[in-house]
Amino acid sequence: MKAPGTISLRTVLFLSMLISSWGCSDMTDQASFRSQDTPHVLPPAGSVPVTGMELFDGTTRIENPEPATATSIQKGRELFGVNCSMCHGPEGRGDGKVGEVMAPPGPPNLHGDTVQGLDDFDLFVRLTYGYGRMPGFRTRLAASDRWHLVNYVKDLR
């Protein structure tokens, strides 16, 4: 028989297991990756982004840093063929294969007054953040590539 006020070994073990497992619920809230995910590595502090992830809020007007040279327009044409022609069509007339099945059909004709009336900055913002059903290319294209696209679109007039 136990002396009054003593705790059995079983009780001590049970209480210690209960207390030690208390913090295990945090495992469900931890940062983790699925096997198919790429690691989410942040850039070093103070680094300068070069892949399109620039700090740009879309409100501070900036000038087009890429002159509309033949080289820039050609680069924009190549980027357009890869990233835009499926919706806007090979010549930017809004007749791409994907654009045909949209409801309502078709993205805008890039030769038209609506798009050509925009200045370089407004086109750049639309390319960066998207517009309507068009996705943004902020994380897909570097800022210089988006400026080349602006030069190409403006050259369509």
Protein backbone atom coordinates (compact mmCIF):
# COMPACT_ATOMS: atom_id res chain seq x y z
CA MET A 1 0.00 0.00 0.00
CA LYS A 2 1.18 3.54 -0.89
CA ALA A 3 1.77 6.21 1.59
CA PRO A 4 -0.74 9.06 1.38
CA GLY A 5 0.45 11.96 -0.87
CA THR A 6 2.76 9.80 -3.05
CA ILE A 7 2.35 9.55 -6.80
CA SER A 8 2.70 6.26 -8.63
CA LEU A 9 5.35 5.73 -11.27
CA ARG A 10 2.62 5.27 -13.89
CA THR A 11 1.14 8.66 -13.09
CA VAL A 12 4.55 10.33 -13.31
CA LEU A 13 5.27 8.69 -16.68
CA PHE A 14 1.83 9.57 -18.02
CA LEU A 15 2.16 13.22 -16.96
CA SER A 16 5.67 13.54 -18.41
CA MET A 17 4.52 12.06 -21.76
CA LEU A 18 1.54 14.39 -21.80
CA ILE A 19 3.68 17.46 -21.11
CA SER A 20 6.39 16.48 -23.63
CA SER A 21 3.85 15.90 -26.42
CA TRP A 22 2.15 19.24 -25.83
CA GLY A 23 4.35 21.10 -28.35
CA CYS A 24 3.99 18.50 -31.11
CA SER A 25 0.86 20.15 -32.49
CA ASP A 26 3.09 22.84 -34.03
CA MET A 27 4.30 20.34 -36.61
CA THR A 28 1.12 20.86 -38.63
CA ASP A 29 1.76 24.62 -38.78
CA GLN A 30 5.39 24.52 -39.81
CA ALA A 31 6.76 25.71 -43.12
CA SER A 32 7.19 22.71 -45.36
CA PHE A 33 7.49 21.80 -49.02
CA ARG A 34 5.77 19.16 -51.08
CA SER A 35 8.11 16.92 -53.01
CA GLN A 36 7.17 18.58 -56.32
CA ASP A 37 7.72 22.13 -55.02
CA THR A 38 10.90 24.02 -55.67
CA PRO A 39 12.52 25.46 -52.55
CA HIS A 40 11.34 28.93 -51.64
CA VAL A 41 14.63 30.70 -51.14
CA LEU A 42 14.55 34.43 -50.51
CA PRO A 43 17.22 36.62 -52.08
CA PRO A 44 19.94 37.98 -49.81
CA ALA A 45 19.15 41.27 -48.09
CA GLY A 46 20.14 44.24 -50.23
CA SER A 47 20.36 42.25 -53.47
CA VAL A 48 19.14 43.71 -56.74
CA PRO A 49 16.51 41.61 -58.55
CA VAL A 50 17.14 40.82 -62.20
CA THR A 51 14.32 38.39 -62.99
CA GLY A 52 11.31 40.69 -63.10
CA MET A 53 10.64 40.77 -59.37
CA GLU A 54 11.48 44.46 -59.07
CA LEU A 55 9.99 46.71 -56.46
CA PHE A 56 7.50 48.58 -58.59
CA ASP A 57 4.11 49.59 -57.29
CA GLY A 58 2.61 50.68 -60.61
CA THR A 59 1.88 54.22 -59.44
CA THR A 60 5.20 56.03 -59.80
CA ARG A 61 5.46 56.96 -63.47
CA ILE A 62 8.73 55.94 -65.04
CA GLU A 63 10.13 56.51 -68.51
CA ASN A 64 10.84 53.64 -70.89
CA PRO A 65 14.53 52.84 -70.30
CA GLU A 66 14.75 50.79 -73.52
CA PRO A 67 15.02 52.95 -76.66
CA ALA A 68 12.74 51.75 -79.48
CA THR A 69 15.60 50.55 -81.65
CA ALA A 70 15.33 47.83 -84.28
CA THR A 71 17.05 45.45 -81.85
CA SER A 72 14.57 46.21 -79.06
CA ILE A 73 11.58 45.85 -81.39
CA GLN A 74 12.93 42.53 -82.72
CA LYS A 75 13.42 41.27 -79.15
CA GLY A 76 9.84 42.38 -78.38
CA ARG A 77 8.57 40.56 -81.49
CA GLU A 78 10.25 37.34 -80.32
CA LEU A 79 8.83 37.72 -76.81
CA PHE A 80 5.39 38.47 -78.27
CA GLY A 81 5.51 35.28 -80.34
CA VAL A 82 6.22 33.18 -77.26
CA ASN A 83 4.10 34.92 -74.62
CA CYS A 84 1.27 36.81 -76.36
CA SER A 85 0.48 35.47 -79.84
CA MET A 86 -1.65 32.58 -78.60
CA CYS A 87 -4.29 35.10 -77.47
CA HIS A 88 -3.55 38.25 -79.48
CA GLY A 89 -2.70 36.42 -82.72
CA PRO A 90 0.56 36.35 -84.65
CA GLU A 91 0.15 39.97 -85.79
CA GLY A 92 -1.56 41.29 -82.64
CA ARG A 93 -5.02 41.61 -84.18
CA GLY A 94 -6.82 39.74 -81.38
CA ASP A 95 -7.32 36.59 -83.45
CA GLY A 96 -5.16 34.05 -81.63
CA LYS A 97 -6.32 30.45 -81.16
CA VAL A 98 -6.83 30.87 -77.42
CA GLY A 99 -8.50 34.24 -77.92
CA GLU A 100 -11.07 32.66 -80.24
CA VAL A 101 -12.46 30.43 -77.48
CA MET A 102 -12.71 33.18 -74.86
CA ALA A 103 -16.15 34.35 -73.79
CA PRO A 104 -16.64 37.10 -74.82
CA PRO A 105 -14.33 36.26 -77.71
CA GLY A 106 -11.00 37.76 -78.42
CA PRO A 107 -8.55 40.05 -76.69
CA PRO A 108 -8.20 43.58 -78.09
CA ASN A 109 -6.61 44.35 -81.43
CA LEU A 110 -3.22 45.81 -80.54
CA HIS A 111 -3.27 47.90 -83.74
CA GLY A 112 -6.43 49.73 -82.60
CA ASP A 113 -6.74 53.20 -81.10
CA THR A 114 -7.55 51.87 -77.62
CA VAL A 115 -4.18 50.19 -77.16
CA GLN A 116 -2.15 52.53 -79.37
CA GLY A 117 -3.54 55.50 -77.41
CA LEU A 118 -1.84 54.27 -74.25
CA ASP A 119 1.59 55.64 -73.40
CA ASP A 120 4.59 53.39 -72.74
CA PHE A 121 4.13 53.51 -68.97
CA ASP A 122 0.47 52.42 -69.13
CA LEU A 123 1.33 49.52 -71.43
CA PHE A 124 4.16 48.50 -69.11
CA VAL A 125 1.80 48.51 -66.09
CA ARG A 126 -0.70 46.33 -67.97
CA LEU A 127 2.05 43.91 -68.94
CA THR A 128 3.35 43.88 -65.39
CA TYR A 129 0.10 43.39 -63.45
CA GLY A 130 -2.27 42.15 -66.14
CA TYR A 131 -5.46 43.73 -67.39
CA GLY A 132 -8.89 42.14 -67.58
CA ARG A 133 -8.36 38.50 -68.49
CA MET A 134 -4.73 39.04 -69.45
CA PRO A 135 -2.33 37.72 -66.80
CA GLY A 136 0.47 39.84 -65.41
CA PHE A 137 4.01 39.05 -66.47
CA ARG A 138 5.78 40.50 -63.45
CA THR A 139 7.13 37.13 -62.35
CA ARG A 140 7.44 35.66 -65.84
CA LEU A 141 9.42 38.30 -67.71
CA ALA A 142 12.20 40.63 -66.64
CA ALA A 143 11.36 44.33 -66.64
CA SER A 144 13.65 44.93 -69.63
CA ASP A 145 11.77 42.26 -71.60
CA ARG A 146 8.44 43.89 -70.78
CA TRP A 147 9.83 47.21 -72.06
CA HIS A 148 10.89 45.46 -75.29
CA LEU A 149 7.31 44.22 -75.61
CA VAL A 150 6.06 47.78 -75.13
CA ASN A 151 8.33 48.95 -77.94
CA TYR A 152 7.07 46.16 -80.21
CA VAL A 153 3.38 46.89 -79.50
CA LYS A 154 3.88 50.62 -80.07
CA ASP A 155 5.61 49.79 -83.37
CA LEU A 156 2.47 47.98 -84.61
CA ARG A 157 0.66 51.27 -85.30
